[in-house]
Amino acid sequence: MEGKVVAVGPGARNEQGQIVALDVKAGDKILFGKWSGTEVKIDGEELLIMKESDILGIISA
């Protein structure tokens, strides 16, 4: 599946509790598995919330 990143958080915490920045950013075009993420509907728009580890690759920024 293909999609566009609309927003990202600050990152994930590692085992030491430090925040590790994400490699993806808003506007990136990405590939992800068909059953990845959690579907949500916000203001009538269907979106997916997913972990960066669910992203298979970045096509372009």
N, C-alpha and C. Protein backbone atom coordinates (compact mmCIF):
# COMPACT_ATOMS: atom_id res chain seq x y z
N MET A 1 0.85 -1.17 0.00
CA MET A 1 0.00 0.00 0.00
C MET A 1 0.89 1.24 0.00
N GLU A 2 0.34 2.33 -0.49
CA GLU A 2 1.09 3.59 -0.58
C GLU A 2 0.30 4.68 0.12
N GLY A 3 1.00 5.61 0.76
CA GLY A 3 0.33 6.70 1.44
C GLY A 3 1.25 7.88 1.64
N LYS A 4 0.69 8.93 2.23
CA LYS A 4 1.45 10.15 2.49
C LYS A 4 1.40 10.43 3.99
N VAL A 5 2.54 10.76 4.57
CA VAL A 5 2.63 11.08 5.99
C VAL A 5 2.07 12.48 6.19
N VAL A 6 1.05 12.60 7.06
CA VAL A 6 0.46 13.92 7.31
C VAL A 6 0.98 14.54 8.60
N ALA A 7 1.45 13.71 9.54
CA ALA A 7 2.00 14.24 10.80
C ALA A 7 2.84 13.16 11.47
N VAL A 8 3.82 13.59 12.26
CA VAL A 8 4.65 12.67 13.04
C VAL A 8 4.81 13.21 14.46
N GLY A 9 5.08 12.30 15.37
CA GLY A 9 5.33 12.69 16.75
C GLY A 9 6.81 12.99 16.95
N PRO A 10 7.21 13.21 18.21
CA PRO A 10 8.61 13.56 18.50
C PRO A 10 9.58 12.39 18.33
N GLY A 11 9.08 11.17 18.37
CA GLY A 11 9.94 10.00 18.24
C GLY A 11 9.57 8.94 19.25
N ALA A 12 10.37 7.88 19.29
CA ALA A 12 10.13 6.77 20.22
C ALA A 12 11.21 6.78 21.29
N ARG A 13 10.89 6.20 22.43
CA ARG A 13 11.89 6.11 23.51
C ARG A 13 12.67 4.81 23.39
N ASN A 14 13.98 4.90 23.60
CA ASN A 14 14.81 3.71 23.61
C ASN A 14 14.83 3.11 25.01
N GLU A 15 15.62 2.07 25.22
CA GLU A 15 15.66 1.38 26.51
C GLU A 15 16.19 2.27 27.64
N GLN A 16 16.96 3.29 27.31
CA GLN A 16 17.48 4.22 28.31
C GLN A 16 16.51 5.37 28.60
N GLY A 17 15.38 5.39 27.90
CA GLY A 17 14.39 6.44 28.11
C GLY A 17 14.60 7.68 27.28
N GLN A 18 15.59 7.67 26.41
CA GLN A 18 15.87 8.83 25.56
C GLN A 18 15.00 8.78 24.31
N ILE A 19 14.60 9.94 23.82
CA ILE A 19 13.80 10.00 22.60
C ILE A 19 14.71 9.86 21.38
N VAL A 20 14.34 8.94 20.50
CA VAL A 20 15.06 8.70 19.25
C VAL A 20 14.22 9.32 18.13
N ALA A 21 14.80 10.26 17.40
CA ALA A 21 14.08 10.96 16.33
C ALA A 21 13.66 9.99 15.23
N LEU A 22 12.55 10.30 14.56
CA LEU A 22 12.04 9.47 13.47
C LEU A 22 12.74 9.80 12.16
N ASP A 23 12.79 8.82 11.25
CA ASP A 23 13.38 9.04 9.93
C ASP A 23 12.37 9.62 8.94
N VAL A 24 11.09 9.42 9.21
CA VAL A 24 10.06 9.96 8.31
C VAL A 24 9.61 11.33 8.79
N LYS A 25 9.08 12.11 7.86
CA LYS A 25 8.59 13.44 8.20
C LYS A 25 7.30 13.70 7.43
N ALA A 26 6.55 14.67 7.87
CA ALA A 26 5.31 15.03 7.19
C ALA A 26 5.61 15.36 5.73
N GLY A 27 4.79 14.83 4.84
CA GLY A 27 4.96 15.05 3.41
C GLY A 27 5.63 13.90 2.69
N ASP A 28 6.28 12.98 3.44
CA ASP A 28 6.93 11.83 2.81
C ASP A 28 5.88 10.90 2.21
N LYS A 29 6.19 10.34 1.05
CA LYS A 29 5.36 9.33 0.39
C LYS A 29 5.95 7.99 0.81
N ILE A 30 5.12 7.09 1.38
CA ILE A 30 5.64 5.86 1.96
C ILE A 30 4.92 4.61 1.43
N LEU A 31 5.56 3.47 1.66
CA LEU A 31 4.96 2.16 1.39
C LEU A 31 4.78 1.45 2.72
N PHE A 32 3.65 0.75 2.87
CA PHE A 32 3.39 0.01 4.10
C PHE A 32 2.53 -1.21 3.77
N GLY A 33 2.52 -2.18 4.67
CA GLY A 33 1.75 -3.40 4.47
C GLY A 33 0.26 -3.15 4.51
N LYS A 34 -0.49 -4.01 3.84
CA LYS A 34 -1.95 -3.85 3.73
C LYS A 34 -2.64 -3.80 5.09
N TRP A 35 -2.18 -4.55 6.07
CA TRP A 35 -2.85 -4.61 7.37
C TRP A 35 -2.12 -3.81 8.44
N SER A 36 -1.26 -2.90 8.04
CA SER A 36 -0.49 -2.08 9.00
C SER A 36 -1.34 -0.98 9.60
N GLY A 37 -0.99 -0.57 10.80
CA GLY A 37 -1.60 0.59 11.43
C GLY A 37 -2.99 0.37 11.97
N THR A 38 -3.53 1.43 12.54
CA THR A 38 -4.88 1.45 13.11
C THR A 38 -5.69 2.51 12.39
N GLU A 39 -6.84 2.11 11.85
CA GLU A 39 -7.69 3.04 11.12
C GLU A 39 -8.47 3.93 12.09
N VAL A 40 -8.47 5.24 11.81
CA VAL A 40 -9.26 6.20 12.59
C VAL A 40 -9.96 7.15 11.62
N LYS A 41 -11.04 7.75 12.08
CA LYS A 41 -11.75 8.73 11.27
C LYS A 41 -11.79 10.03 12.05
N ILE A 42 -11.20 11.10 11.51
CA ILE A 42 -11.14 12.40 12.17
C ILE A 42 -11.73 13.43 11.22
N ASP A 43 -12.77 14.12 11.68
CA ASP A 43 -13.46 15.13 10.86
C ASP A 43 -13.86 14.59 9.50
N GLY A 44 -14.31 13.34 9.46
CA GLY A 44 -14.76 12.73 8.22
C GLY A 44 -13.65 12.19 7.33
N GLU A 45 -12.41 12.37 7.73
CA GLU A 45 -11.26 11.90 6.94
C GLU A 45 -10.72 10.61 7.54
N GLU A 46 -10.56 9.57 6.70
CA GLU A 46 -10.04 8.31 7.17
C GLU A 46 -8.51 8.35 7.16
N LEU A 47 -7.90 8.05 8.30
CA LEU A 47 -6.45 8.09 8.46
C LEU A 47 -5.95 6.80 9.09
N LEU A 48 -4.65 6.55 8.99
CA LEU A 48 -4.01 5.42 9.64
C LEU A 48 -3.00 5.94 10.64
N ILE A 49 -2.98 5.35 11.82
CA ILE A 49 -1.94 5.64 12.81
C ILE A 49 -1.04 4.42 12.83
N MET A 50 0.27 4.62 12.65
CA MET A 50 1.17 3.47 12.63
C MET A 50 2.53 3.81 13.22
N LYS A 51 3.22 2.76 13.63
CA LYS A 51 4.59 2.91 14.11
C LYS A 51 5.52 3.03 12.91
N GLU A 52 6.65 3.68 13.12
CA GLU A 52 7.61 3.81 12.03
C GLU A 52 8.09 2.44 11.56
N SER A 53 8.13 1.47 12.46
CA SER A 53 8.59 0.14 12.09
C SER A 53 7.63 -0.56 11.12
N ASP A 54 6.39 -0.07 10.99
CA ASP A 54 5.43 -0.64 10.04
C ASP A 54 5.66 -0.12 8.61
N ILE A 55 6.48 0.91 8.47
CA ILE A 55 6.75 1.50 7.16
C ILE A 55 7.81 0.68 6.44
N LEU A 56 7.51 0.24 5.24
CA LEU A 56 8.42 -0.59 4.45
C LEU A 56 9.48 0.24 3.74
N GLY A 57 9.12 1.46 3.35
CA GLY A 57 10.08 2.33 2.67
C GLY A 57 9.51 3.70 2.37
N ILE A 58 10.43 4.64 2.12
CA ILE A 58 10.06 6.00 1.76
C ILE A 58 10.31 6.15 0.26
N ILE A 59 9.27 6.54 -0.48
CA ILE A 59 9.40 6.70 -1.94
C ILE A 59 10.03 8.04 -2.26
N SER A 60 9.50 9.12 -1.63
CA SER A 60 10.04 10.45 -1.87
C SER A 60 9.61 11.37 -0.74
N ALA A 61 10.30 12.52 -0.64
CA ALA A 61 9.97 13.49 0.41
C ALA A 61 9.18 14.63 -0.19
